[in-house]
């Protein structure tokens, strides 16, 4: 069964401890629903640097990564269906990409 990366873009930090608890509860419920499909829960990421032939920039490009998860799914359609329940969709997006075997 192939693996897929869910790359999260957007979202925001909670405004209060109560909102933080609600957000974490939503993520934990979603992870619970995915069950054994989770290969790696991943997590949020910090600020990035973009490396190119021209040098290094202190940014994440036009749509910086805010976190990731790796899941097992039968195919792209199944992975997309899983991603549709992601809590990040309240404030951001999920990019779904298959990890190709080499």
C-alpha atoms as a PDB file:
ATOM      1  CA  UNK A   1       0.000   0.000   0.000  1.00  0.00           C
ATOM      2  CA  UNK A   2       1.513   3.366  -0.967  1.00  0.00           C
ATOM      3  CA  UNK A   3       2.303   6.161   1.446  1.00  0.00           C
ATOM      4  CA  UNK A   4       1.165   9.761   1.017  1.00  0.00           C
ATOM      5  CA  UNK A   5       2.334  13.005   2.548  1.00  0.00           C
ATOM      6  CA  UNK A   6      -0.290  15.421   3.777  1.00  0.00           C
ATOM      7  CA  UNK A   7       1.517  18.773   3.566  1.00  0.00           C
ATOM      8  CA  UNK A   8      -0.298  21.449   5.554  1.00  0.00           C
ATOM      9  CA  UNK A   9      -0.333  25.067   4.463  1.00  0.00           C
ATOM     10  CA  UNK A  10      -1.838  27.907   6.462  1.00  0.00           C
ATOM     11  CA  UNK A  11      -3.600  27.590   9.762  1.00  0.00           C
ATOM     12  CA  UNK A  12      -2.999  29.799  12.769  1.00  0.00           C
ATOM     13  CA  UNK A  13      -1.867  29.617  16.339  1.00  0.00           C
ATOM     14  CA  UNK A  14      -4.718  29.377  18.872  1.00  0.00           C
ATOM     15  CA  UNK A  15      -5.691  32.670  20.518  1.00  0.00           C
ATOM     16  CA  UNK A  16      -6.213  31.146  23.962  1.00  0.00           C
ATOM     17  CA  UNK A  17      -5.450  27.987  25.940  1.00  0.00           C
ATOM     18  CA  UNK A  18      -9.101  26.961  25.555  1.00  0.00           C
ATOM     19  CA  UNK A  19      -8.947  27.318  21.777  1.00  0.00           C
ATOM     20  CA  UNK A  20      -5.663  25.382  21.817  1.00  0.00           C
ATOM     21  CA  UNK A  21      -7.365  22.543  23.695  1.00  0.00           C
ATOM     22  CA  UNK A  22     -10.238  22.503  21.162  1.00  0.00           C
ATOM     23  CA  UNK A  23      -7.793  22.439  18.240  1.00  0.00           C
ATOM     24  CA  UNK A  24      -5.777  19.585  19.771  1.00  0.00           C
ATOM     25  CA  UNK A  25      -8.979  17.643  20.484  1.00  0.00           C
ATOM     26  CA  UNK A  26      -9.993  18.000  16.816  1.00  0.00           C
ATOM     27  CA  UNK A  27      -6.578  16.774  15.622  1.00  0.00           C
ATOM     28  CA  UNK A  28      -6.582  13.858  18.079  1.00  0.00           C
ATOM     29  CA  UNK A  29     -10.102  12.853  16.966  1.00  0.00           C
ATOM     30  CA  UNK A  30      -9.054  12.949  13.314  1.00  0.00           C
ATOM     31  CA  UNK A  31      -5.893  10.932  14.025  1.00  0.00           C
ATOM     32  CA  UNK A  32      -8.050   8.451  15.941  1.00  0.00           C
ATOM     33  CA  UNK A  33     -10.394   8.104  12.966  1.00  0.00           C
ATOM     34  CA  UNK A  34      -7.415   7.442  10.647  1.00  0.00           C
ATOM     35  CA  UNK A  35      -6.121   4.736  13.006  1.00  0.00           C
ATOM     36  CA  UNK A  36      -3.582   2.373  11.440  1.00  0.00           C
ATOM     37  CA  UNK A  37      -3.479   4.453   8.246  1.00  0.00           C
ATOM     38  CA  UNK A  38      -1.087   6.846  10.005  1.00  0.00           C
ATOM     39  CA  UNK A  39       2.501   5.977   9.091  1.00  0.00           C
ATOM     40  CA  UNK A  40       3.842   9.065  10.912  1.00  0.00           C
ATOM     41  CA  UNK A  41       1.723  11.688  12.672  1.00  0.00           C
ATOM     42  CA  UNK A  42       4.318  14.300  11.748  1.00  0.00           C
ATOM     43  CA  UNK A  43       3.606  17.642  13.320  1.00  0.00           C
ATOM     44  CA  UNK A  44       3.858  21.379  12.894  1.00  0.00           C
ATOM     45  CA  UNK A  45       7.054  22.861  11.466  1.00  0.00           C
ATOM     46  CA  UNK A  46       9.008  26.036  12.155  1.00  0.00           C
ATOM     47  CA  UNK A  47      10.148  28.773   9.824  1.00  0.00           C
ATOM     48  CA  UNK A  48      12.002  27.561   6.778  1.00  0.00           C
ATOM     49  CA  UNK A  49      14.780  28.677   4.497  1.00  0.00           C
ATOM     50  CA  UNK A  50      14.528  28.334   0.730  1.00  0.00           C
ATOM     51  CA  UNK A  51      17.774  27.163  -0.877  1.00  0.00           C
ATOM     52  CA  UNK A  52      18.345  27.769  -4.585  1.00  0.00           C
ATOM     53  CA  UNK A  53      21.278  28.167  -6.956  1.00  0.00           C
ATOM     54  CA  UNK A  54      21.013  31.921  -6.287  1.00  0.00           C
ATOM     55  CA  UNK A  55      21.426  31.559  -2.520  1.00  0.00           C
ATOM     56  CA  UNK A  56      19.328  31.162   0.609  1.00  0.00           C
ATOM     57  CA  UNK A  57      16.131  33.093   1.406  1.00  0.00           C
ATOM     58  CA  UNK A  58      14.486  33.334   4.824  1.00  0.00           C
ATOM     59  CA  UNK A  59      11.012  32.305   3.727  1.00  0.00           C
ATOM     60  CA  UNK A  60       8.939  29.341   2.730  1.00  0.00           C
ATOM     61  CA  UNK A  61       8.065  30.615  -0.702  1.00  0.00           C
ATOM     62  CA  UNK A  62       4.585  31.688  -1.756  1.00  0.00           C
ATOM     63  CA  UNK A  63       2.788  29.006   0.279  1.00  0.00           C
ATOM     64  CA  UNK A  64       4.985  27.914   3.206  1.00  0.00           C
ATOM     65  CA  UNK A  65       4.639  24.523   4.836  1.00  0.00           C
ATOM     66  CA  UNK A  66       3.078  24.613   8.311  1.00  0.00           C
ATOM     67  CA  UNK A  67       3.136  20.864   9.091  1.00  0.00           C
ATOM     68  CA  UNK A  68       2.816  17.353   7.724  1.00  0.00           C
ATOM     69  CA  UNK A  69       1.528  13.810   8.282  1.00  0.00           C
ATOM     70  CA  UNK A  70       2.374  10.590   6.422  1.00  0.00           C
ATOM     71  CA  UNK A  71      -0.419   8.061   5.817  1.00  0.00           C
ATOM     72  CA  UNK A  72      -0.901   4.683   4.141  1.00  0.00           C
ATOM     73  CA  UNK A  73      -3.724   4.645   1.576  1.00  0.00           C
ATOM     74  CA  UNK A  74      -4.834   2.338  -1.232  1.00  0.00           C
ATOM     75  CA  UNK A  75      -4.577   5.123  -3.810  1.00  0.00           C
ATOM     76  CA  UNK A  76      -4.746   8.892  -4.317  1.00  0.00           C
ATOM     77  CA  UNK A  77      -8.548   8.925  -4.119  1.00  0.00           C
ATOM     78  CA  UNK A  78      -8.461   7.192  -0.724  1.00  0.00           C
ATOM     79  CA  UNK A  79      -5.775   9.590   0.534  1.00  0.00           C
ATOM     80  CA  UNK A  80      -7.773  12.618  -0.627  1.00  0.00           C
ATOM     81  CA  UNK A  81     -10.856  11.253   1.139  1.00  0.00           C
ATOM     82  CA  UNK A  82      -8.838  10.988   4.383  1.00  0.00           C
ATOM     83  CA  UNK A  83      -7.494  14.534   3.955  1.00  0.00           C
ATOM     84  CA  UNK A  84     -11.009  15.952   3.640  1.00  0.00           C
ATOM     85  CA  UNK A  85     -11.482  15.403   7.394  1.00  0.00           C
ATOM     86  CA  UNK A  86      -8.320  17.280   8.399  1.00  0.00           C
ATOM     87  CA  UNK A  87      -8.799  20.038  11.007  1.00  0.00           C
ATOM     88  CA  UNK A  88      -6.391  22.373   9.149  1.00  0.00           C
ATOM     89  CA  UNK A  89      -9.159  22.938   6.592  1.00  0.00           C
ATOM     90  CA  UNK A  90     -10.753  25.452   8.984  1.00  0.00           C
ATOM     91  CA  UNK A  91      -7.893  27.886   8.242  1.00  0.00           C
ATOM     92  CA  UNK A  92      -5.677  26.284   5.605  1.00  0.00           C
ATOM     93  CA  UNK A  93      -5.174  23.574   3.025  1.00  0.00           C
ATOM     94  CA  UNK A  94      -3.850  20.038   2.689  1.00  0.00           C
ATOM     95  CA  UNK A  95      -1.594  19.141  -0.227  1.00  0.00           C
ATOM     96  CA  UNK A  96      -1.755  15.374  -0.847  1.00  0.00           C
ATOM     97  CA  UNK A  97       1.224  13.791  -2.624  1.00  0.00           C
ATOM     98  CA  UNK A  98       2.191  10.149  -3.120  1.00  0.00           C
ATOM     99  CA  UNK A  99       5.631   9.055  -1.990  1.00  0.00           C
ATOM    100  CA  UNK A 100       7.052   7.153  -4.952  1.00  0.00           C
ATOM    101  CA  UNK A 101       9.057   3.984  -4.403  1.00  0.00           C
ATOM    102  CA  UNK A 102      12.519   4.048  -5.912  1.00  0.00           C
END
